[in-house]
Amino acid sequence: MVERGADHLNPCCGVAAHLAEGCGSCSTAGCPALVCDTENNPVSPAEAKAIIAERWTVPPEVRARPRNRKPAKGKGPQQAPQ
C-alpha cells in the first residue's frame, strides 16, 4: 500500500482491523491464538519475527520518501518587519 502512495496509517489500520477480528473470533470461540506463516503452518514467535523481517520490512528508501505529496502553495517563509 505504501508503494501505491498510501501513508503509513492506512495499512496499519487495515492490519489492526484484521488482527482485532481474529482476536475477537478466537476469544468468543475459546481457542488459543496460534502464530502461523504464510502457508498456514504453525511457527514459533522467533520464526515469525524472522519471516516478517525478511519479507515485510519497509525498505529504507521508501521510508526516506517525503510524506507530504501536496504541491507547494508558492509562499515562502515571511520576513519579520525591521
N, C-alpha and C. Protein backbone atom coordinates (compact mmCIF):
# COMPACT_ATOMS: atom_id res chain seq x y z
N MET A 1 0.82 -1.19 0.00
CA MET A 1 0.00 0.00 0.00
C MET A 1 0.86 1.25 0.00
N VAL A 2 2.01 1.19 0.65
CA VAL A 2 2.90 2.34 0.69
C VAL A 2 3.45 2.62 -0.71
N GLU A 3 3.75 1.55 -1.46
CA GLU A 3 4.26 1.72 -2.81
C GLU A 3 3.22 2.34 -3.73
N ARG A 4 1.93 2.16 -3.43
CA ARG A 4 0.87 2.75 -4.24
C ARG A 4 0.51 4.15 -3.79
N GLY A 5 1.20 4.69 -2.81
CA GLY A 5 1.00 6.08 -2.42
C GLY A 5 0.25 6.29 -1.13
N ALA A 6 -0.15 5.25 -0.43
CA ALA A 6 -0.85 5.42 0.84
C ALA A 6 0.16 5.79 1.92
N ASP A 7 -0.28 6.58 2.89
CA ASP A 7 0.60 6.87 4.00
C ASP A 7 0.66 5.66 4.93
N HIS A 8 1.50 5.70 5.94
CA HIS A 8 1.70 4.54 6.80
C HIS A 8 0.49 4.20 7.64
N LEU A 9 -0.40 5.16 7.87
CA LEU A 9 -1.55 4.92 8.74
C LEU A 9 -2.59 4.00 8.08
N ASN A 10 -2.75 4.11 6.78
CA ASN A 10 -3.74 3.31 6.08
C ASN A 10 -3.46 1.81 6.21
N PRO A 11 -2.25 1.32 5.88
CA PRO A 11 -2.01 -0.11 6.07
C PRO A 11 -2.02 -0.54 7.53
N CYS A 12 -1.59 0.34 8.43
CA CYS A 12 -1.61 0.00 9.85
C CYS A 12 -3.04 -0.25 10.32
N CYS A 13 -3.97 0.59 9.88
CA CYS A 13 -5.37 0.41 10.28
C CYS A 13 -5.95 -0.86 9.70
N GLY A 14 -5.57 -1.20 8.47
CA GLY A 14 -6.05 -2.44 7.87
C GLY A 14 -5.56 -3.66 8.62
N VAL A 15 -4.29 -3.66 8.98
CA VAL A 15 -3.73 -4.78 9.74
C VAL A 15 -4.36 -4.86 11.12
N ALA A 16 -4.55 -3.70 11.76
CA ALA A 16 -5.15 -3.69 13.10
C ALA A 16 -6.58 -4.24 13.06
N ALA A 17 -7.33 -3.88 12.04
CA ALA A 17 -8.70 -4.39 11.92
C ALA A 17 -8.71 -5.90 11.71
N HIS A 18 -7.79 -6.38 10.88
CA HIS A 18 -7.70 -7.82 10.63
C HIS A 18 -7.33 -8.57 11.92
N LEU A 19 -6.36 -8.05 12.65
CA LEU A 19 -5.94 -8.69 13.90
C LEU A 19 -7.04 -8.65 14.95
N ALA A 20 -7.75 -7.53 15.02
CA ALA A 20 -8.83 -7.41 16.00
C ALA A 20 -9.95 -8.41 15.70
N GLU A 21 -10.25 -8.60 14.42
CA GLU A 21 -11.27 -9.57 14.04
C GLU A 21 -10.85 -10.98 14.43
N GLY A 22 -9.58 -11.32 14.19
CA GLY A 22 -9.08 -12.64 14.56
C GLY A 22 -9.09 -12.86 16.06
N CYS A 23 -8.67 -11.84 16.81
CA CYS A 23 -8.67 -11.96 18.27
C CYS A 23 -10.09 -12.09 18.81
N GLY A 24 -11.00 -11.34 18.22
CA GLY A 24 -12.39 -11.42 18.68
C GLY A 24 -13.00 -12.78 18.42
N SER A 25 -12.72 -13.35 17.24
CA SER A 25 -13.29 -14.67 16.94
C SER A 25 -12.66 -15.75 17.81
N CYS A 26 -11.37 -15.62 18.11
CA CYS A 26 -10.72 -16.61 18.98
C CYS A 26 -11.24 -16.52 20.41
N SER A 27 -11.45 -15.30 20.88
CA SER A 27 -11.90 -15.16 22.26
C SER A 27 -13.33 -15.65 22.44
N THR A 28 -14.18 -15.45 21.44
CA THR A 28 -15.56 -15.92 21.58
C THR A 28 -15.65 -17.44 21.42
N ALA A 29 -14.76 -18.02 20.59
CA ALA A 29 -14.77 -19.47 20.39
C ALA A 29 -13.99 -20.20 21.48
N GLY A 30 -13.15 -19.48 22.23
CA GLY A 30 -12.38 -20.09 23.30
C GLY A 30 -11.15 -20.84 22.82
N CYS A 31 -10.69 -20.57 21.60
CA CYS A 31 -9.49 -21.27 21.10
C CYS A 31 -8.25 -20.42 21.37
N PRO A 32 -7.10 -21.05 21.57
CA PRO A 32 -5.87 -20.28 21.81
C PRO A 32 -5.36 -19.67 20.50
N ALA A 33 -4.65 -18.55 20.62
CA ALA A 33 -4.06 -17.91 19.44
C ALA A 33 -2.88 -18.74 18.96
N LEU A 34 -2.75 -18.87 17.66
CA LEU A 34 -1.69 -19.67 17.06
C LEU A 34 -1.01 -18.83 15.99
N VAL A 35 0.32 -18.69 16.06
CA VAL A 35 1.07 -17.92 15.08
C VAL A 35 1.43 -18.85 13.93
N CYS A 36 1.07 -18.43 12.70
CA CYS A 36 1.32 -19.25 11.51
C CYS A 36 2.07 -18.43 10.47
N ASP A 37 2.75 -19.14 9.56
CA ASP A 37 3.42 -18.48 8.45
C ASP A 37 2.42 -18.29 7.31
N THR A 38 2.92 -17.87 6.14
CA THR A 38 2.02 -17.58 5.03
C THR A 38 1.39 -18.84 4.43
N GLU A 39 1.97 -20.00 4.70
CA GLU A 39 1.39 -21.26 4.22
C GLU A 39 0.50 -21.91 5.28
N ASN A 40 0.22 -21.17 6.35
CA ASN A 40 -0.65 -21.61 7.45
C ASN A 40 -0.04 -22.75 8.27
N ASN A 41 1.28 -22.77 8.35
CA ASN A 41 1.99 -23.73 9.20
C ASN A 41 2.34 -23.04 10.52
N PRO A 42 2.13 -23.70 11.66
CA PRO A 42 2.48 -23.08 12.94
C PRO A 42 3.98 -22.80 13.04
N VAL A 43 4.32 -21.63 13.56
CA VAL A 43 5.72 -21.25 13.76
C VAL A 43 5.87 -20.65 15.15
N SER A 44 7.11 -20.63 15.62
CA SER A 44 7.40 -20.01 16.92
C SER A 44 7.45 -18.49 16.74
N PRO A 45 7.34 -17.74 17.82
CA PRO A 45 7.43 -16.28 17.69
C PRO A 45 8.76 -15.80 17.09
N ALA A 46 9.85 -16.49 17.38
CA ALA A 46 11.15 -16.11 16.81
C ALA A 46 11.16 -16.33 15.30
N GLU A 47 10.58 -17.45 14.86
CA GLU A 47 10.50 -17.71 13.42
C GLU A 47 9.59 -16.68 12.74
N ALA A 48 8.51 -16.30 13.41
CA ALA A 48 7.61 -15.31 12.86
C ALA A 48 8.32 -13.96 12.69
N LYS A 49 9.12 -13.57 13.67
CA LYS A 49 9.88 -12.32 13.56
C LYS A 49 10.85 -12.36 12.39
N ALA A 50 11.50 -13.52 12.19
CA ALA A 50 12.44 -13.65 11.07
C ALA A 50 11.71 -13.55 9.73
N ILE A 51 10.54 -14.15 9.63
CA ILE A 51 9.75 -14.08 8.39
C ILE A 51 9.33 -12.64 8.12
N ILE A 52 8.89 -11.94 9.16
CA ILE A 52 8.46 -10.55 9.00
C ILE A 52 9.64 -9.69 8.56
N ALA A 53 10.79 -9.86 9.19
CA ALA A 53 11.97 -9.06 8.84
C ALA A 53 12.42 -9.34 7.41
N GLU A 54 12.28 -10.58 6.97
CA GLU A 54 12.73 -10.95 5.62
C GLU A 54 11.77 -10.47 4.54
N ARG A 55 10.47 -10.60 4.76
CA ARG A 55 9.51 -10.38 3.68
C ARG A 55 8.76 -9.06 3.74
N TRP A 56 8.49 -8.53 4.93
CA TRP A 56 7.58 -7.39 5.03
C TRP A 56 8.16 -6.16 5.69
N THR A 57 9.45 -6.02 5.73
CA THR A 57 10.05 -4.82 6.26
C THR A 57 10.08 -3.75 5.17
N VAL A 58 9.68 -2.53 5.50
CA VAL A 58 9.68 -1.44 4.54
C VAL A 58 11.12 -1.01 4.29
N PRO A 59 11.55 -0.96 3.01
CA PRO A 59 12.94 -0.59 2.71
C PRO A 59 13.25 0.85 3.13
N PRO A 60 14.52 1.12 3.46
CA PRO A 60 14.89 2.47 3.91
C PRO A 60 14.60 3.55 2.87
N GLU A 61 14.74 3.24 1.58
CA GLU A 61 14.48 4.27 0.56
C GLU A 61 12.99 4.64 0.51
N VAL A 62 12.11 3.70 0.84
CA VAL A 62 10.68 4.02 0.90
C VAL A 62 10.40 4.86 2.14
N ARG A 63 11.04 4.53 3.26
CA ARG A 63 10.84 5.31 4.47
C ARG A 63 11.37 6.74 4.33
N ALA A 64 12.40 6.92 3.50
CA ALA A 64 13.02 8.23 3.34
C ALA A 64 12.24 9.14 2.40
N ARG A 65 11.24 8.62 1.69
CA ARG A 65 10.47 9.44 0.77
C ARG A 65 9.75 10.55 1.53
N PRO A 66 9.58 11.69 0.85
CA PRO A 66 8.80 12.75 1.50
C PRO A 66 7.37 12.29 1.71
N ARG A 67 6.81 12.60 2.86
CA ARG A 67 5.46 12.15 3.18
C ARG A 67 4.40 13.11 2.67
N ASN A 68 4.76 14.35 2.45
CA ASN A 68 3.79 15.32 2.00
C ASN A 68 3.78 15.33 0.48
N ARG A 69 2.68 14.93 -0.12
CA ARG A 69 2.58 14.89 -1.57
C ARG A 69 1.82 16.10 -2.12
N LYS A 70 1.44 17.03 -1.27
CA LYS A 70 0.72 18.21 -1.73
C LYS A 70 1.69 19.16 -2.41
N PRO A 71 1.26 19.79 -3.50
CA PRO A 71 2.15 20.76 -4.15
C PRO A 71 2.32 22.00 -3.28
N ALA A 72 3.45 22.66 -3.44
CA ALA A 72 3.74 23.87 -2.67
C ALA A 72 2.78 24.97 -3.10
N LYS A 73 2.37 25.80 -2.17
CA LYS A 73 1.42 26.88 -2.44
C LYS A 73 2.09 28.11 -3.04
N GLY A 74 3.40 28.13 -3.07
CA GLY A 74 4.09 29.28 -3.65
C GLY A 74 4.48 30.34 -2.64
N LYS A 75 4.14 30.15 -1.40
CA LYS A 75 4.51 31.12 -0.37
C LYS A 75 5.71 30.60 0.40
N GLY A 76 6.70 31.41 0.51
CA GLY A 76 7.88 31.04 1.27
C GLY A 76 7.78 31.58 2.69
N PRO A 77 8.80 31.38 3.48
CA PRO A 77 8.79 31.93 4.84
C PRO A 77 8.78 33.45 4.80
N GLN A 78 8.04 34.04 5.68
CA GLN A 78 7.90 35.51 5.71
C GLN A 78 9.01 36.11 6.58
N GLN A 79 9.46 37.27 6.17
CA GLN A 79 10.47 38.01 6.93
C GLN A 79 9.77 38.90 7.96
N ALA A 80 10.34 38.98 9.13
CA ALA A 80 9.81 39.89 10.16
C ALA A 80 10.12 41.32 9.78
N PRO A 81 9.17 42.24 9.98
CA PRO A 81 9.44 43.65 9.65
C PRO A 81 10.55 44.21 10.54
N GLN A 82 11.37 45.08 9.96
CA GLN A 82 12.50 45.68 10.68
C GLN A 82 12.09 46.92 11.40
